[in-house]
Amino acid sequence: MSQMSKITNVLLVGVGGQGTILASKILTHAALAQGYQVKMSEIHGMSQRGGSVVTQVRMGEEVYSPVIDPGEADFIVAFELLEAYRWAHFLRRDGVLIVNNQKIVPLPVLIGKAQYPATIINDLKEKFSKFVEIPAYQLASEAGTSKSTNVVLMGTLSRYMDFPEEVWQAAMEARVPAKFLEVNQRAFVLGKQFDI
């Protein structure tokens, strides 16, 4: 994000319990620290039961609405494969799709009422030239806890944002409980340095 006048739209999509909201708060904190006006909205679909959780973050010089329209997201950060598939139509043709390659099987699949699509990654790679697949769950586990998957993904997103490292660190310090800060700092670095 290089110029203040442009609005940058980031859609974070996942399922309940993956830390989508915390990730969006870290991003929002970093953007505000850089002097951007930021609007954020959250949509919870039965999030306590593994349903979709979607957060929209819009930042720029002047932002009037928190809502991102289909085809307008500059970035989608997908915490789970099926959620990437479900929300991909919100991404601009030249947008960046960052996808954690983890599968969390939804209830209809578990009870045999539906099938988990087998071709998600190939379909998304064909549709978007800026497709970034990252083993965020695995990297989070390496950092010390799989619960930091969200922060691994923020580390990956940070590669595309024009924010200094100390701004991200300050955002994590402000938003992550102190006892989990160190493991999340490691997770952030793994996400940022992963060879994509």
Protein backbone atom coordinates (compact mmCIF):
# COMPACT_ATOMS: atom_id res chain seq x y z
CA MET A 1 0.00 0.00 0.00
CA SER A 2 1.98 2.97 -1.21
CA GLN A 3 -0.30 5.95 -1.58
CA MET A 4 -2.58 7.37 1.07
CA SER A 5 -5.40 8.38 -1.29
CA LYS A 6 -6.00 4.82 -2.47
CA ILE A 7 -8.25 2.68 -0.33
CA THR A 8 -6.89 -0.80 0.35
CA ASN A 9 -9.45 -3.52 1.00
CA VAL A 10 -8.52 -6.62 2.99
CA LEU A 11 -10.94 -9.49 3.54
CA LEU A 12 -10.07 -12.01 6.25
CA VAL A 13 -12.07 -15.24 6.10
CA GLY A 14 -12.01 -18.28 8.32
CA VAL A 15 -14.08 -20.40 10.65
CA GLY A 16 -14.89 -19.92 14.30
CA GLY A 17 -11.95 -20.38 16.63
CA GLN A 18 -9.21 -19.57 14.12
CA GLY A 19 -8.52 -16.07 15.41
CA THR A 20 -9.82 -14.15 12.41
CA ILE A 21 -11.01 -11.26 14.59
CA LEU A 22 -7.69 -10.94 16.44
CA ALA A 23 -5.82 -10.90 13.12
CA SER A 24 -8.05 -8.10 11.84
CA LYS A 25 -7.46 -6.13 15.06
CA ILE A 26 -3.69 -6.46 14.63
CA LEU A 27 -4.00 -5.26 11.02
CA THR A 28 -6.29 -2.38 12.02
CA HIS A 29 -3.94 -1.31 14.82
CA ALA A 30 -0.96 -1.29 12.42
CA ALA A 31 -2.86 0.71 9.79
CA LEU A 32 -4.04 3.29 12.32
CA ALA A 33 -0.46 3.67 13.59
CA GLN A 34 0.56 4.49 10.01
CA GLY A 35 -1.94 7.33 9.89
CA TYR A 36 -4.60 5.64 7.81
CA GLN A 37 -8.30 6.01 8.40
CA VAL A 38 -9.62 2.49 8.97
CA LYS A 39 -13.07 0.93 8.94
CA MET A 40 -13.66 -2.65 10.03
CA SER A 41 -16.73 -4.87 10.02
CA GLU A 42 -17.29 -8.43 11.20
CA ILE A 43 -19.72 -11.10 10.06
CA HIS A 44 -20.17 -14.18 12.24
CA GLY A 45 -22.06 -17.17 10.88
CA MET A 46 -22.49 -19.63 13.76
CA SER A 47 -18.83 -18.96 14.55
CA GLN A 48 -19.01 -20.86 17.84
CA ARG A 49 -19.80 -24.01 15.87
CA GLY A 50 -17.15 -23.76 13.21
CA GLY A 51 -19.18 -21.49 10.92
CA SER A 52 -17.76 -18.73 8.75
CA VAL A 53 -16.18 -15.66 10.28
CA VAL A 54 -15.49 -12.80 7.88
CA THR A 55 -13.79 -9.52 8.69
CA GLN A 56 -13.53 -6.63 6.27
CA VAL A 57 -10.80 -4.04 6.82
CA ARG A 58 -10.65 -0.92 4.63
CA MET A 59 -7.85 1.62 4.99
CA GLY A 60 -6.84 4.83 3.24
CA GLU A 61 -6.85 8.59 3.53
CA GLU A 62 -10.65 8.75 3.72
CA VAL A 63 -12.78 5.67 4.23
CA TYR A 64 -16.55 6.09 4.47
CA SER A 65 -17.82 2.53 4.59
CA PRO A 66 -16.51 -0.69 6.14
CA VAL A 67 -18.10 -2.83 3.41
CA ILE A 68 -16.10 -4.45 0.60
CA ASP A 69 -18.10 -5.29 -2.52
CA PRO A 70 -17.52 -8.43 -4.62
CA GLY A 71 -14.55 -7.96 -6.94
CA GLU A 72 -13.12 -5.11 -4.83
CA ALA A 73 -10.79 -6.81 -2.30
CA ASP A 74 -7.10 -6.12 -2.86
CA PHE A 75 -6.23 -8.97 -0.50
CA ILE A 76 -8.05 -12.00 0.80
CA VAL A 77 -6.43 -13.80 3.70
CA ALA A 78 -8.11 -17.20 3.96
CA PHE A 79 -7.57 -19.15 7.16
CA GLU A 80 -9.01 -22.32 5.61
CA LEU A 81 -9.26 -23.73 2.06
CA LEU A 82 -13.03 -23.93 1.70
CA GLU A 83 -13.40 -20.37 3.01
CA ALA A 84 -10.94 -19.21 0.32
CA TYR A 85 -13.14 -20.88 -2.27
CA ARG A 86 -16.33 -19.45 -0.79
CA TRP A 87 -15.10 -15.83 -0.75
CA ALA A 88 -12.79 -15.74 -3.79
CA HIS A 89 -15.34 -13.79 -5.86
CA PHE A 90 -14.63 -10.78 -3.60
CA LEU A 91 -11.04 -10.55 -4.88
CA ARG A 92 -10.01 -8.20 -7.68
CA ARG A 93 -8.57 -9.96 -10.73
CA ASP A 94 -5.11 -8.61 -9.83
CA GLY A 95 -5.61 -9.05 -6.09
CA VAL A 96 -3.51 -11.24 -3.80
CA LEU A 97 -5.05 -14.40 -2.37
CA ILE A 98 -3.18 -15.71 0.69
CA VAL A 99 -4.43 -19.16 1.65
CA ASN A 100 -3.65 -21.35 4.65
CA ASN A 101 -3.72 -24.84 3.11
CA GLN A 102 -5.53 -26.30 6.12
CA LYS A 103 -8.83 -28.13 5.69
CA ILE A 104 -11.45 -27.85 8.43
CA VAL A 105 -14.25 -30.15 7.40
CA PRO A 106 -17.69 -28.53 7.86
CA LEU A 107 -20.63 -30.32 9.45
CA PRO A 108 -22.50 -31.15 6.19
CA VAL A 109 -19.39 -33.02 4.99
CA LEU A 110 -18.91 -34.74 8.35
CA ILE A 111 -22.45 -36.11 8.30
CA GLY A 112 -22.25 -37.16 4.65
CA LYS A 113 -24.64 -34.54 3.22
CA ALA A 114 -21.96 -32.86 1.10
CA GLN A 115 -18.46 -33.42 -0.25
CA TYR A 116 -15.39 -31.31 0.39
CA PRO A 117 -14.31 -30.00 -3.04
CA ALA A 118 -11.12 -31.75 -4.16
CA THR A 119 -9.90 -29.17 -6.65
CA ILE A 120 -9.91 -25.97 -4.57
CA ILE A 121 -6.19 -25.15 -4.87
CA ASN A 122 -6.02 -25.84 -8.62
CA ASP A 123 -9.20 -23.86 -9.27
CA LEU A 124 -7.91 -20.85 -7.34
CA LYS A 125 -4.46 -21.02 -8.97
CA GLU A 126 -6.10 -20.97 -12.39
CA LYS A 127 -8.28 -18.00 -11.52
CA PHE A 128 -5.77 -15.78 -9.69
CA SER A 129 -2.18 -15.14 -10.74
CA LYS A 130 -1.25 -13.85 -7.27
CA PHE A 131 -2.09 -17.00 -5.34
CA VAL A 132 -0.03 -17.61 -2.20
CA GLU A 133 -0.43 -21.00 -0.53
CA ILE A 134 1.12 -21.26 2.92
CA PRO A 135 1.15 -24.06 5.53
CA ALA A 136 0.20 -21.58 8.25
CA TYR A 137 -1.13 -24.19 10.68
CA GLN A 138 2.11 -26.17 10.42
CA LEU A 139 4.26 -23.03 10.81
CA ALA A 140 2.23 -21.95 13.83
CA SER A 141 2.82 -25.35 15.42
CA GLU A 142 6.56 -24.92 14.76
CA ALA A 143 6.39 -21.51 16.48
CA GLY A 144 4.93 -23.14 19.57
CA THR A 145 1.13 -23.30 19.20
CA SER A 146 -1.25 -23.99 16.33
CA LYS A 147 -3.43 -21.20 17.77
CA SER A 148 -1.03 -18.67 16.23
CA THR A 149 -2.02 -19.65 12.67
CA ASN A 150 -3.72 -16.26 12.39
CA VAL A 151 -0.49 -14.41 13.18
CA VAL A 152 1.49 -16.53 10.70
CA LEU A 153 -0.96 -15.27 8.08
CA MET A 154 -0.49 -11.67 9.24
CA GLY A 155 3.26 -12.19 8.79
CA THR A 156 2.64 -13.27 5.20
CA LEU A 157 0.30 -10.33 4.57
CA SER A 158 2.90 -7.93 6.02
CA ARG A 159 5.11 -8.62 2.99
CA TYR A 160 2.60 -6.73 0.86
CA MET A 161 1.96 -3.85 3.27
CA ASP A 162 4.19 -0.81 3.42
CA PHE A 163 4.32 -0.84 7.24
CA PRO A 164 7.62 -0.88 9.18
CA GLU A 165 8.40 -3.97 11.24
CA GLU A 166 8.13 -2.03 14.52
CA VAL A 167 4.54 -1.06 13.66
CA TRP A 168 3.56 -4.73 13.36
CA GLN A 169 5.41 -5.53 16.59
CA ALA A 170 3.62 -2.72 18.43
CA ALA A 171 0.27 -3.92 17.07
CA MET A 172 0.92 -7.42 18.37
CA GLU A 173 2.03 -6.07 21.75
CA ALA A 174 -1.21 -4.07 21.95
CA ARG A 175 -3.54 -6.87 20.86
CA VAL A 176 -2.00 -10.19 21.95
CA PRO A 177 -2.07 -11.13 25.66
CA ALA A 178 1.44 -10.82 27.13
CA LYS A 179 1.78 -14.53 27.95
CA PHE A 180 1.22 -15.42 24.27
CA LEU A 181 3.25 -12.58 22.77
CA GLU A 182 6.56 -14.39 22.29
CA VAL A 183 5.07 -17.39 20.50
CA ASN A 184 3.05 -15.05 18.26
CA GLN A 185 6.14 -13.01 17.45
CA ARG A 186 7.84 -16.22 16.31
CA ALA A 187 4.75 -17.14 14.27
CA PHE A 188 4.72 -13.72 12.59
CA VAL A 189 8.37 -14.09 11.54
CA LEU A 190 7.76 -17.59 10.13
CA GLY A 191 4.84 -16.28 8.09
CA LYS A 192 6.84 -13.31 6.84
CA GLN A 193 9.91 -15.36 5.91
CA PHE A 194 8.16 -18.38 4.38
CA ASP A 195 9.43 -19.00 0.86
CA ILE A 196 6.39 -18.38 -1.34
